[in-house]
Amino acid sequence: MKKGRDPRREIDHIALAPEDFQEEIRSYLNTITLERGLARNTEVAYRDDLVQAAILLKKLGAANWKKVTPKHLTAWLHSLSDQFSGATQARKLTAMRMLCRHLVREHVRDDDPTELLAGPKIRRKLPETLSTGEMQKLLNAPTGLDAYSIRDRAMLELVYSSGLRASEVCGLNLQQVDLEHGFVRVFGKGSKERVVPLGAKARDAVAAYLGSARPRFLKPKTGSELFLTERGKAMSRKTLWVMVKSAAARAGLDKNVKPHLLRHSFATHLLGGGADLRAIQEMLGHASIGTTQIYTAVESSRLLDQHARHHPRNKSAK
């Protein structure tokens, strides 16, 4: 039997914070869970961040959240710099900012002590992508007519056509895919729903899988999951990962190809083809346009590389 969430465990965890800080953390977490539908992992991360912050703020002399000053928070931020990466520091600061805004809305505080705090500068690593030629080789890798090859082709085409996350692909059921109208309905992070188009190649590949391959994987207890294993159960992320790695090896690609690399390639190729950044954001399911803007840097980097390679004025004199 699958275990559900145990609220007592969460309350015990929050109880690790100083007593005078606990009520506001609980109130804040309850609010964001209901209003924003945060993913479970994000909710837990914010909870842990705030409990740890409360412990340090107490040591720094703040009696409770009302008494926390910008000076306290500056010292707290400074303590993070030697322990965590820039990305983790930024997440912890985000949790603190959101809590303080919640405290102002709930009239616990009159001011927001995080307003003038400067977060860490994060140099984001550009995501690696496949070229269109490499992508074509990967899509062509499953060549057989057996059920496994037909299924694998359908999964690869669907991921590249839609940019879905691995968990989203593995969680798809039959009712979420509309091949007639060419779209898939996805429930992404925080259970947020979005509709993503499917191209003709992906539609054809999925139709072929549904017609001739999926029936071969059916077992008496099989449900409505779209992509099945030989046991008649839903594909796991690990199985998808292994399949993508195997296809990349057969295609002769020397890059570290993972399912998420197809998602990056999807976004980068759309942008390179002239797609609107807002449309790409919507298809990827990004909450912020800032997350999607990383692909503009990828495309700029590609153009600079092409210019450096092929413009005659960049070539050394012979």
C-alpha atoms as a PDB file:
ATOM      1  CA  MET A   1       0.000   0.000   0.000  1.00  0.00           C
ATOM      2  CA  LYS A   2       1.350   3.380  -0.994  1.00  0.00           C
ATOM      3  CA  LYS A   3       2.031   5.642   1.965  1.00  0.00           C
ATOM      4  CA  GLY A   4       0.456   9.064   1.973  1.00  0.00           C
ATOM      5  CA  ARG A   5       1.767  12.270   3.483  1.00  0.00           C
ATOM      6  CA  ASP A   6       2.026  12.222   7.248  1.00  0.00           C
ATOM      7  CA  PRO A   7       1.219  15.713   8.585  1.00  0.00           C
ATOM      8  CA  ARG A   8       2.557  14.774  12.016  1.00  0.00           C
ATOM      9  CA  ARG A   9       6.004  14.296  10.529  1.00  0.00           C
ATOM     10  CA  GLU A  10       5.892  17.779   8.987  1.00  0.00           C
ATOM     11  CA  ILE A  11       4.732  19.384  12.251  1.00  0.00           C
ATOM     12  CA  ASP A  12       7.526  17.611  14.127  1.00  0.00           C
ATOM     13  CA  HIS A  13      10.011  18.930  11.561  1.00  0.00           C
ATOM     14  CA  ILE A  14       8.789  22.512  11.905  1.00  0.00           C
ATOM     15  CA  ALA A  15       9.039  22.042  15.675  1.00  0.00           C
ATOM     16  CA  LEU A  16      12.820  21.972  15.222  1.00  0.00           C
ATOM     17  CA  ALA A  17      12.580  25.745  14.770  1.00  0.00           C
ATOM     18  CA  PRO A  18      12.498  27.960  17.888  1.00  0.00           C
ATOM     19  CA  GLU A  19       8.988  27.927  19.337  1.00  0.00           C
ATOM     20  CA  ASP A  20       8.310  31.618  18.696  1.00  0.00           C
ATOM     21  CA  PHE A  21       9.025  31.128  14.961  1.00  0.00           C
ATOM     22  CA  GLN A  22       6.947  28.011  14.312  1.00  0.00           C
ATOM     23  CA  GLU A  23       3.400  29.360  13.906  1.00  0.00           C
ATOM     24  CA  GLU A  24       4.303  31.752  11.089  1.00  0.00           C
ATOM     25  CA  ILE A  25       6.218  29.051   9.177  1.00  0.00           C
ATOM     26  CA  ARG A  26       3.198  26.725   9.356  1.00  0.00           C
ATOM     27  CA  SER A  27       0.821  29.483   8.271  1.00  0.00           C
ATOM     28  CA  TYR A  28       3.030  30.439   5.337  1.00  0.00           C
ATOM     29  CA  LEU A  29       3.516  26.866   4.105  1.00  0.00           C
ATOM     30  CA  ASN A  30      -0.216  26.154   4.332  1.00  0.00           C
ATOM     31  CA  THR A  31      -0.952  29.303   2.323  1.00  0.00           C
ATOM     32  CA  ILE A  32       1.500  28.691  -0.526  1.00  0.00           C
ATOM     33  CA  THR A  33       0.514  25.030  -0.781  1.00  0.00           C
ATOM     34  CA  LEU A  34      -3.156  25.939  -1.235  1.00  0.00           C
ATOM     35  CA  GLU A  35      -2.737  29.064  -3.374  1.00  0.00           C
ATOM     36  CA  ARG A  36       0.234  28.224  -5.579  1.00  0.00           C
ATOM     37  CA  GLY A  37       0.110  24.453  -5.771  1.00  0.00           C
ATOM     38  CA  LEU A  38       3.850  24.094  -5.221  1.00  0.00           C
ATOM     39  CA  ALA A  39       5.505  20.812  -6.087  1.00  0.00           C
ATOM     40  CA  ARG A  40       6.062  18.615  -3.038  1.00  0.00           C
ATOM     41  CA  ASN A  41       9.861  18.829  -3.293  1.00  0.00           C
ATOM     42  CA  THR A  42       9.734  22.648  -3.439  1.00  0.00           C
ATOM     43  CA  GLU A  43       7.438  22.803  -0.429  1.00  0.00           C
ATOM     44  CA  VAL A  44       9.774  20.591   1.602  1.00  0.00           C
ATOM     45  CA  ALA A  45      12.833  22.603   0.526  1.00  0.00           C
ATOM     46  CA  TYR A  46      11.206  25.898   1.591  1.00  0.00           C
ATOM     47  CA  ARG A  47      10.162  24.358   4.899  1.00  0.00           C
ATOM     48  CA  ASP A  48      13.691  23.175   5.663  1.00  0.00           C
ATOM     49  CA  ASP A  49      15.176  26.500   4.541  1.00  0.00           C
ATOM     50  CA  LEU A  50      12.948  28.474   6.914  1.00  0.00           C
ATOM     51  CA  VAL A  51      13.478  26.149   9.871  1.00  0.00           C
ATOM     52  CA  GLN A  52      17.250  26.434   9.434  1.00  0.00           C
ATOM     53  CA  ALA A  53      17.002  30.210   9.040  1.00  0.00           C
ATOM     54  CA  ALA A  54      14.861  30.547  12.167  1.00  0.00           C
ATOM     55  CA  ILE A  55      17.430  28.618  14.221  1.00  0.00           C
ATOM     56  CA  LEU A  56      20.222  30.951  13.124  1.00  0.00           C
ATOM     57  CA  LEU A  57      18.129  34.124  13.473  1.00  0.00           C
ATOM     58  CA  LYS A  58      17.371  33.144  17.062  1.00  0.00           C
ATOM     59  CA  LYS A  59      21.094  32.753  17.725  1.00  0.00           C
ATOM     60  CA  LEU A  60      21.672  36.179  16.169  1.00  0.00           C
ATOM     61  CA  GLY A  61      19.319  37.740  18.724  1.00  0.00           C
ATOM     62  CA  ALA A  62      15.918  37.872  16.973  1.00  0.00           C
ATOM     63  CA  ALA A  63      13.211  36.804  19.435  1.00  0.00           C
ATOM     64  CA  ASN A  64      10.639  36.051  16.711  1.00  0.00           C
ATOM     65  CA  TRP A  65       9.729  37.003  13.139  1.00  0.00           C
ATOM     66  CA  LYS A  66       8.493  40.423  14.250  1.00  0.00           C
ATOM     67  CA  LYS A  67      11.920  41.234  15.654  1.00  0.00           C
ATOM     68  CA  VAL A  68      13.929  40.132  12.609  1.00  0.00           C
ATOM     69  CA  THR A  69      15.814  43.091  11.121  1.00  0.00           C
ATOM     70  CA  PRO A  70      17.650  43.615   7.818  1.00  0.00           C
ATOM     71  CA  LYS A  71      20.870  43.382   9.842  1.00  0.00           C
ATOM     72  CA  HIS A  72      19.879  39.914  11.078  1.00  0.00           C
ATOM     73  CA  LEU A  73      19.063  38.806   7.544  1.00  0.00           C
ATOM     74  CA  THR A  74      22.332  40.189   6.147  1.00  0.00           C
ATOM     75  CA  ALA A  75      24.228  38.115   8.694  1.00  0.00           C
ATOM     76  CA  TRP A  76      22.102  35.085   7.809  1.00  0.00           C
ATOM     77  CA  LEU A  77      22.844  35.531   4.094  1.00  0.00           C
ATOM     78  CA  HIS A  78      26.548  35.919   4.802  1.00  0.00           C
ATOM     79  CA  SER A  79      26.532  32.627   6.721  1.00  0.00           C
ATOM     80  CA  LEU A  80      25.102  30.869   3.663  1.00  0.00           C
ATOM     81  CA  SER A  81      27.853  31.988   1.300  1.00  0.00           C
ATOM     82  CA  ASP A  82      30.443  29.584   2.713  1.00  0.00           C
ATOM     83  CA  GLN A  83      28.117  26.577   2.830  1.00  0.00           C
ATOM     84  CA  PHE A  84      25.934  26.566  -0.278  1.00  0.00           C
ATOM     85  CA  SER A  85      26.062  27.147  -4.015  1.00  0.00           C
ATOM     86  CA  GLY A  86      24.683  30.363  -5.488  1.00  0.00           C
ATOM     87  CA  ALA A  87      21.565  28.565  -6.699  1.00  0.00           C
ATOM     88  CA  THR A  88      20.824  27.142  -3.242  1.00  0.00           C
ATOM     89  CA  GLN A  89      21.426  30.533  -1.620  1.00  0.00           C
ATOM     90  CA  ALA A  90      19.000  32.093  -4.102  1.00  0.00           C
ATOM     91  CA  ARG A  91      16.326  29.496  -3.280  1.00  0.00           C
ATOM     92  CA  LYS A  92      16.724  30.094   0.456  1.00  0.00           C
ATOM     93  CA  LEU A  93      16.447  33.842  -0.078  1.00  0.00           C
ATOM     94  CA  THR A  94      13.320  33.337  -2.192  1.00  0.00           C
ATOM     95  CA  ALA A  95      11.731  31.338   0.629  1.00  0.00           C
ATOM     96  CA  MET A  96      12.596  34.121   3.080  1.00  0.00           C
ATOM     97  CA  ARG A  97      11.267  36.885   0.807  1.00  0.00           C
ATOM     98  CA  MET A  98       7.991  35.048   0.302  1.00  0.00           C
ATOM     99  CA  LEU A  99       7.613  34.434   4.028  1.00  0.00           C
ATOM    100  CA  CYS A 100       8.216  38.104   4.861  1.00  0.00           C
ATOM    101  CA  ARG A 101       5.664  39.233   2.260  1.00  0.00           C
ATOM    102  CA  HIS A 102       3.216  36.769   3.810  1.00  0.00           C
ATOM    103  CA  LEU A 103       3.884  38.279   7.239  1.00  0.00           C
ATOM    104  CA  VAL A 104       3.107  41.761   5.896  1.00  0.00           C
ATOM    105  CA  ARG A 105      -0.117  40.560   4.231  1.00  0.00           C
ATOM    106  CA  GLU A 106      -1.191  38.877   7.468  1.00  0.00           C
ATOM    107  CA  HIS A 107      -0.371  42.055   9.464  1.00  0.00           C
ATOM    108  CA  VAL A 108       2.229  40.232  11.535  1.00  0.00           C
ATOM    109  CA  ARG A 109       4.752  42.861  10.410  1.00  0.00           C
ATOM    110  CA  ASP A 110       4.382  46.390   9.101  1.00  0.00           C
ATOM    111  CA  ASP A 111       7.482  46.188   6.911  1.00  0.00           C
ATOM    112  CA  ASP A 112       9.362  43.718   4.739  1.00  0.00           C
ATOM    113  CA  PRO A 113      12.963  43.351   6.013  1.00  0.00           C
ATOM    114  CA  THR A 114      14.053  41.601   2.804  1.00  0.00           C
ATOM    115  CA  GLU A 115      13.307  44.567   0.494  1.00  0.00           C
ATOM    116  CA  LEU A 116      16.895  45.806   0.314  1.00  0.00           C
ATOM    117  CA  LEU A 117      18.614  42.423   0.485  1.00  0.00           C
ATOM    118  CA  ALA A 118      20.823  41.627  -2.505  1.00  0.00           C
ATOM    119  CA  GLY A 119      20.850  38.008  -3.578  1.00  0.00           C
ATOM    120  CA  PRO A 120      23.884  36.089  -4.832  1.00  0.00           C
ATOM    121  CA  LYS A 121      24.957  36.544  -8.413  1.00  0.00           C
ATOM    122  CA  ILE A 122      24.364  33.303 -10.251  1.00  0.00           C
ATOM    123  CA  ARG A 123      26.177  32.472 -13.437  1.00  0.00           C
ATOM    124  CA  ARG A 124      23.891  29.968 -15.060  1.00  0.00           C
ATOM    125  CA  LYS A 125      25.504  27.217 -17.064  1.00  0.00           C
ATOM    126  CA  LEU A 126      24.123  27.080 -20.575  1.00  0.00           C
ATOM    127  CA  PRO A 127      22.252  23.824 -21.183  1.00  0.00           C
ATOM    128  CA  GLU A 128      23.812  21.482 -23.718  1.00  0.00           C
ATOM    129  CA  THR A 129      21.684  20.681 -26.759  1.00  0.00           C
ATOM    130  CA  LEU A 130      21.749  18.454 -29.801  1.00  0.00           C
ATOM    131  CA  SER A 131      22.024  19.945 -33.267  1.00  0.00           C
ATOM    132  CA  THR A 132      19.158  19.252 -35.649  1.00  0.00           C
ATOM    133  CA  GLY A 133      21.358  16.709 -37.423  1.00  0.00           C
ATOM    134  CA  GLU A 134      22.215  14.923 -34.170  1.00  0.00           C
ATOM    135  CA  MET A 135      18.571  14.983 -33.186  1.00  0.00           C
ATOM    136  CA  GLN A 136      17.615  13.346 -36.461  1.00  0.00           C
ATOM    137  CA  LYS A 137      20.149  10.572 -35.868  1.00  0.00           C
ATOM    138  CA  LEU A 138      18.708   9.959 -32.409  1.00  0.00           C
ATOM    139  CA  LEU A 139      15.136   9.807 -33.690  1.00  0.00           C
ATOM    140  CA  ASN A 140      16.185   7.324 -36.378  1.00  0.00           C
ATOM    141  CA  ALA A 141      18.049   5.060 -33.940  1.00  0.00           C
ATOM    142  CA  PRO A 142      15.175   2.640 -33.127  1.00  0.00           C
ATOM    143  CA  THR A 143      14.963   0.933 -36.525  1.00  0.00           C
ATOM    144  CA  GLY A 144      13.175  -2.353 -35.835  1.00  0.00           C
ATOM    145  CA  LEU A 145       9.552  -3.303 -36.413  1.00  0.00           C
ATOM    146  CA  ASP A 146       9.191  -4.977 -33.014  1.00  0.00           C
ATOM    147  CA  ALA A 147       6.988  -3.502 -30.269  1.00  0.00           C
ATOM    148  CA  TYR A 148       9.946  -2.101 -28.347  1.00  0.00           C
ATOM    149  CA  SER A 149      11.347  -0.183 -31.313  1.00  0.00           C
ATOM    150  CA  ILE A 150       7.918   1.191 -32.242  1.00  0.00           C
ATOM    151  CA  ARG A 151       7.367   2.300 -28.634  1.00  0.00           C
ATOM    152  CA  ASP A 152      10.816   3.877 -28.362  1.00  0.00           C
ATOM    153  CA  ARG A 153      10.361   5.798 -31.624  1.00  0.00           C
ATOM    154  CA  ALA A 154       7.038   7.121 -30.371  1.00  0.00           C
ATOM    155  CA  MET A 155       8.535   8.259 -27.070  1.00  0.00           C
ATOM    156  CA  LEU A 156      11.498   9.986 -28.690  1.00  0.00           C
ATOM    157  CA  GLU A 157       9.306  11.749 -31.240  1.00  0.00           C
ATOM    158  CA  LEU A 158       6.840  12.839 -28.557  1.00  0.00           C
ATOM    159  CA  VAL A 159       9.523  14.233 -26.234  1.00  0.00           C
ATOM    160  CA  TYR A 160      11.235  16.161 -29.026  1.00  0.00           C
ATOM    161  CA  SER A 161       7.926  17.426 -30.415  1.00  0.00           C
ATOM    162  CA  SER A 162       6.525  18.563 -27.065  1.00  0.00           C
ATOM    163  CA  GLY A 163       9.503  19.272 -24.798  1.00  0.00           C
ATOM    164  CA  LEU A 164       7.932  17.345 -21.931  1.00  0.00           C
ATOM    165  CA  ARG A 165       9.877  16.484 -18.802  1.00  0.00           C
ATOM    166  CA  ALA A 166      10.729  12.806 -18.251  1.00  0.00           C
ATOM    167  CA  SER A 167       8.245  12.555 -15.377  1.00  0.00           C
ATOM    168  CA  GLU A 168       5.524  14.096 -17.552  1.00  0.00           C
ATOM    169  CA  VAL A 169       6.116  11.641 -20.382  1.00  0.00           C
ATOM    170  CA  CYS A 170       6.084   8.639 -18.063  1.00  0.00           C
ATOM    171  CA  GLY A 171       2.945   9.917 -16.333  1.00  0.00           C
ATOM    172  CA  LEU A 172       0.877  10.328 -19.498  1.00  0.00           C
ATOM    173  CA  ASN A 173      -2.338   8.361 -19.888  1.00  0.00           C
ATOM    174  CA  LEU A 174      -4.435   7.704 -22.976  1.00  0.00           C
ATOM    175  CA  GLN A 175      -6.972  10.406 -22.131  1.00  0.00           C
ATOM    176  CA  GLN A 176      -4.305  13.125 -22.174  1.00  0.00           C
ATOM    177  CA  VAL A 177      -3.338  12.583 -25.815  1.00  0.00           C
ATOM    178  CA  ASP A 178      -5.527  13.924 -28.621  1.00  0.00           C
ATOM    179  CA  LEU A 179      -4.005  12.760 -31.892  1.00  0.00           C
ATOM    180  CA  GLU A 180      -6.940  13.985 -33.974  1.00  0.00           C
ATOM    181  CA  HIS A 181      -6.406  17.613 -32.964  1.00  0.00           C
ATOM    182  CA  GLY A 182      -2.684  17.274 -32.355  1.00  0.00           C
ATOM    183  CA  PHE A 183      -2.068  18.100 -28.712  1.00  0.00           C
ATOM    184  CA  VAL A 184      -1.258  16.551 -25.363  1.00  0.00           C
ATOM    185  CA  ARG A 185      -2.647  17.732 -22.027  1.00  0.00           C
ATOM    186  CA  VAL A 186       0.046  17.725 -19.350  1.00  0.00           C
ATOM    187  CA  PHE A 187       0.047  18.050 -15.580  1.00  0.00           C
ATOM    188  CA  GLY A 188       3.461  19.446 -14.708  1.00  0.00           C
ATOM    189  CA  LYS A 189       5.135  20.811 -11.609  1.00  0.00           C
ATOM    190  CA  GLY A 190       2.695  21.726  -8.881  1.00  0.00           C
ATOM    191  CA  SER A 191      -0.009  19.792 -10.789  1.00  0.00           C
ATOM    192  CA  LYS A 192      -0.396  22.773 -13.131  1.00  0.00           C
ATOM    193  CA  GLU A 193      -2.140  21.877 -16.370  1.00  0.00           C
ATOM    194  CA  ARG A 194      -0.970  22.978 -19.793  1.00  0.00           C
ATOM    195  CA  VAL A 195      -1.742  22.017 -23.388  1.00  0.00           C
ATOM    196  CA  VAL A 196       1.196  21.326 -25.724  1.00  0.00           C
ATOM    197  CA  PRO A 197       0.990  20.818 -29.513  1.00  0.00           C
ATOM    198  CA  LEU A 198       2.236  17.650 -31.174  1.00  0.00           C
ATOM    199  CA  GLY A 199       3.819  17.737 -34.621  1.00  0.00           C
ATOM    200  CA  ALA A 200       2.805  15.435 -37.464  1.00  0.00           C
ATOM    201  CA  LYS A 201       5.815  13.100 -37.038  1.00  0.00           C
ATOM    202  CA  ALA A 202       5.062  12.615 -33.345  1.00  0.00           C
ATOM    203  CA  ARG A 203       1.376  12.053 -34.001  1.00  0.00           C
ATOM    204  CA  ASP A 204       2.161   9.408 -36.612  1.00  0.00           C
ATOM    205  CA  ALA A 205       4.669   7.672 -34.332  1.00  0.00           C
ATOM    206  CA  VAL A 206       2.281   7.604 -31.363  1.00  0.00           C
ATOM    207  CA  ALA A 207      -0.569   6.389 -33.600  1.00  0.00           C
ATOM    208  CA  ALA A 208       1.641   3.542 -34.865  1.00  0.00           C
ATOM    209  CA  TYR A 209       2.515   2.627 -31.277  1.00  0.00           C
ATOM    210  CA  LEU A 210      -1.125   2.630 -30.172  1.00  0.00           C
ATOM    211  CA  GLY A 211      -2.174   0.563 -33.152  1.00  0.00           C
ATOM    212  CA  SER A 212       0.468  -2.149 -33.229  1.00  0.00           C
ATOM    213  CA  ALA A 213       2.796  -2.007 -30.204  1.00  0.00           C
ATOM    214  CA  ARG A 214       0.894  -1.030 -27.072  1.00  0.00           C
ATOM    215  CA  PRO A 215      -1.555  -3.963 -27.401  1.00  0.00           C
ATOM    216  CA  ARG A 216       1.443  -6.318 -27.149  1.00  0.00           C
ATOM    217  CA  PHE A 217       2.368  -4.891 -23.735  1.00  0.00           C
ATOM    218  CA  LEU A 218      -1.124  -5.164 -22.259  1.00  0.00           C
ATOM    219  CA  LYS A 219      -1.624  -7.316 -19.168  1.00  0.00           C
ATOM    220  CA  PRO A 220      -4.846  -8.096 -17.221  1.00  0.00           C
ATOM    221  CA  LYS A 221      -4.184  -5.319 -14.685  1.00  0.00           C
ATOM    222  CA  THR A 222      -2.856  -2.710 -17.118  1.00  0.00           C
ATOM    223  CA  GLY A 223      -4.449   0.710 -16.657  1.00  0.00           C
ATOM    224  CA  SER A 224      -4.705   3.689 -18.996  1.00  0.00           C
ATOM    225  CA  GLU A 225      -0.985   4.553 -18.948  1.00  0.00           C
ATOM    226  CA  LEU A 226       0.213   5.551 -22.412  1.00  0.00           C
ATOM    227  CA  PHE A 227       3.720   4.108 -22.540  1.00  0.00           C
ATOM    228  CA  LEU A 228       4.069   0.590 -21.134  1.00  0.00           C
ATOM    229  CA  THR A 229       6.863  -1.773 -20.174  1.00  0.00           C
ATOM    230  CA  GLU A 230       6.877  -5.475 -20.969  1.00  0.00           C
ATOM    231  CA  ARG A 231       5.131  -6.019 -17.620  1.00  0.00           C
ATOM    232  CA  GLY A 232       2.206  -3.885 -18.696  1.00  0.00           C
ATOM    233  CA  LYS A 233       3.079  -1.082 -16.277  1.00  0.00           C
ATOM    234  CA  ALA A 234       3.857   2.587 -16.860  1.00  0.00           C
ATOM    235  CA  MET A 235       7.371   3.442 -18.021  1.00  0.00           C
ATOM    236  CA  SER A 236       9.575   4.734 -15.225  1.00  0.00           C
ATOM    237  CA  ARG A 237      11.966   7.647 -15.586  1.00  0.00           C
ATOM    238  CA  LYS A 238      14.880   5.246 -15.135  1.00  0.00           C
ATOM    239  CA  THR A 239      13.640   3.039 -17.988  1.00  0.00           C
ATOM    240  CA  LEU A 240      13.203   6.113 -20.197  1.00  0.00           C
ATOM    241  CA  TRP A 241      16.721   7.257 -19.301  1.00  0.00           C
ATOM    242  CA  VAL A 242      18.169   3.870 -20.252  1.00  0.00           C
ATOM    243  CA  MET A 243      16.231   3.863 -23.528  1.00  0.00           C
ATOM    244  CA  VAL A 244      17.493   7.328 -24.504  1.00  0.00           C
ATOM    245  CA  LYS A 245      21.096   6.411 -23.639  1.00  0.00           C
ATOM    246  CA  SER A 246      20.812   3.234 -25.703  1.00  0.00           C
ATOM    247  CA  ALA A 247      19.370   5.115 -28.684  1.00  0.00           C
ATOM    248  CA  ALA A 248      22.165   7.705 -28.457  1.00  0.00           C
ATOM    249  CA  ALA A 249      24.782   4.935 -28.498  1.00  0.00           C
ATOM    250  CA  ARG A 250      23.199   3.336 -31.562  1.00  0.00           C
ATOM    251  CA  ALA A 251      23.100   6.745 -33.240  1.00  0.00           C
ATOM    252  CA  GLY A 252      26.827   7.184 -32.642  1.00  0.00           C
ATOM    253  CA  LEU A 253      26.416  10.369 -30.557  1.00  0.00           C
ATOM    254  CA  ASP A 254      29.333  11.097 -28.244  1.00  0.00           C
ATOM    255  CA  LYS A 255      27.392  13.537 -26.050  1.00  0.00           C
ATOM    256  CA  ASN A 256      25.914  12.664 -22.662  1.00  0.00           C
ATOM    257  CA  VAL A 257      22.370  12.320 -23.981  1.00  0.00           C
ATOM    258  CA  LYS A 258      19.606  12.267 -21.353  1.00  0.00           C
ATOM    259  CA  PRO A 259      15.831  12.812 -21.659  1.00  0.00           C
ATOM    260  CA  HIS A 260      16.217  16.417 -20.478  1.00  0.00           C
ATOM    261  CA  LEU A 261      18.650  17.095 -23.323  1.00  0.00           C
ATOM    262  CA  LEU A 262      15.755  16.495 -25.738  1.00  0.00           C
ATOM    263  CA  ARG A 263      13.730  19.110 -23.851  1.00  0.00           C
ATOM    264  CA  HIS A 264      16.593  21.615 -24.146  1.00  0.00           C
ATOM    265  CA  SER A 265      16.938  20.807 -27.847  1.00  0.00           C
ATOM    266  CA  PHE A 266      13.196  21.254 -28.379  1.00  0.00           C
ATOM    267  CA  ALA A 267      13.287  24.769 -26.914  1.00  0.00           C
ATOM    268  CA  THR A 268      16.511  25.824 -28.617  1.00  0.00           C
ATOM    269  CA  HIS A 269      15.415  24.600 -32.051  1.00  0.00           C
ATOM    270  CA  LEU A 270      12.048  26.348 -31.720  1.00  0.00           C
ATOM    271  CA  LEU A 271      13.747  29.600 -30.784  1.00  0.00           C
ATOM    272  CA  GLY A 272      16.241  29.242 -33.621  1.00  0.00           C
ATOM    273  CA  GLY A 273      13.332  28.737 -36.002  1.00  0.00           C
ATOM    274  CA  GLY A 274      11.733  32.022 -34.939  1.00  0.00           C
ATOM    275  CA  ALA A 275       9.250  30.896 -32.260  1.00  0.00           C
ATOM    276  CA  ASP A 276       8.076  33.463 -29.712  1.00  0.00           C
ATOM    277  CA  LEU A 277       9.761  33.162 -26.301  1.00  0.00           C
ATOM    278  CA  ARG A 278       6.424  33.454 -24.486  1.00  0.00           C
ATOM    279  CA  ALA A 279       5.021  30.562 -26.510  1.00  0.00           C
ATOM    280  CA  ILE A 280       8.059  28.448 -25.658  1.00  0.00           C
ATOM    281  CA  GLN A 281       7.622  29.347 -21.981  1.00  0.00           C
ATOM    282  CA  GLU A 282       4.023  28.181 -22.104  1.00  0.00           C
ATOM    283  CA  MET A 283       4.886  24.921 -23.834  1.00  0.00           C
ATOM    284  CA  LEU A 284       7.694  24.157 -21.386  1.00  0.00           C
ATOM    285  CA  GLY A 285       5.519  24.986 -18.399  1.00  0.00           C
ATOM    286  CA  HIS A 286       7.958  27.507 -16.926  1.00  0.00           C
ATOM    287  CA  ALA A 287       6.433  29.694 -14.209  1.00  0.00           C
ATOM    288  CA  SER A 288       8.817  32.548 -15.056  1.00  0.00           C
ATOM    289  CA  ILE A 289       9.933  33.900 -18.417  1.00  0.00           C
ATOM    290  CA  GLY A 290      13.362  34.310 -16.832  1.00  0.00           C
ATOM    291  CA  THR A 291      13.794  30.535 -16.798  1.00  0.00           C
ATOM    292  CA  THR A 292      13.009  30.326 -20.512  1.00  0.00           C
ATOM    293  CA  GLN A 293      15.376  33.175 -21.398  1.00  0.00           C
ATOM    294  CA  ILE A 294      18.361  30.872 -20.875  1.00  0.00           C
ATOM    295  CA  TYR A 295      17.620  29.537 -24.362  1.00  0.00           C
ATOM    296  CA  THR A 296      18.208  32.957 -25.901  1.00  0.00           C
ATOM    297  CA  ALA A 297      21.738  32.731 -24.499  1.00  0.00           C
ATOM    298  CA  VAL A 298      22.112  29.253 -26.007  1.00  0.00           C
ATOM    299  CA  GLU A 299      21.000  30.527 -29.403  1.00  0.00           C
ATOM    300  CA  SER A 300      23.301  33.569 -29.158  1.00  0.00           C
ATOM    301  CA  SER A 301      26.199  31.298 -28.256  1.00  0.00           C
ATOM    302  CA  ARG A 302      25.443  29.103 -31.283  1.00  0.00           C
ATOM    303  CA  LEU A 303      25.369  32.104 -33.610  1.00  0.00           C
ATOM    304  CA  LEU A 304      28.658  33.424 -32.231  1.00  0.00           C
ATOM    305  CA  ASP A 305      30.231  30.021 -32.782  1.00  0.00           C
ATOM    306  CA  GLN A 306      28.942  29.873 -36.363  1.00  0.00           C
ATOM    307  CA  HIS A 307      30.250  33.387 -37.023  1.00  0.00           C
ATOM    308  CA  ALA A 308      33.669  32.541 -35.589  1.00  0.00           C
ATOM    309  CA  ARG A 309      33.885  29.358 -37.660  1.00  0.00           C
ATOM    310  CA  HIS A 310      32.702  30.616 -41.012  1.00  0.00           C
ATOM    311  CA  HIS A 311      33.180  34.393 -41.414  1.00  0.00           C
ATOM    312  CA  PRO A 312      36.222  34.993 -43.670  1.00  0.00           C
ATOM    313  CA  ARG A 313      37.507  37.860 -41.505  1.00  0.00           C
ATOM    314  CA  ASN A 314      37.799  35.520 -38.525  1.00  0.00           C
ATOM    315  CA  LYS A 315      40.116  33.126 -40.320  1.00  0.00           C
ATOM    316  CA  SER A 316      43.858  33.426 -39.880  1.00  0.00           C
ATOM    317  CA  ALA A 317      45.814  34.743 -42.825  1.00  0.00           C
ATOM    318  CA  LYS A 318      47.647  32.045 -44.733  1.00  0.00           C
END
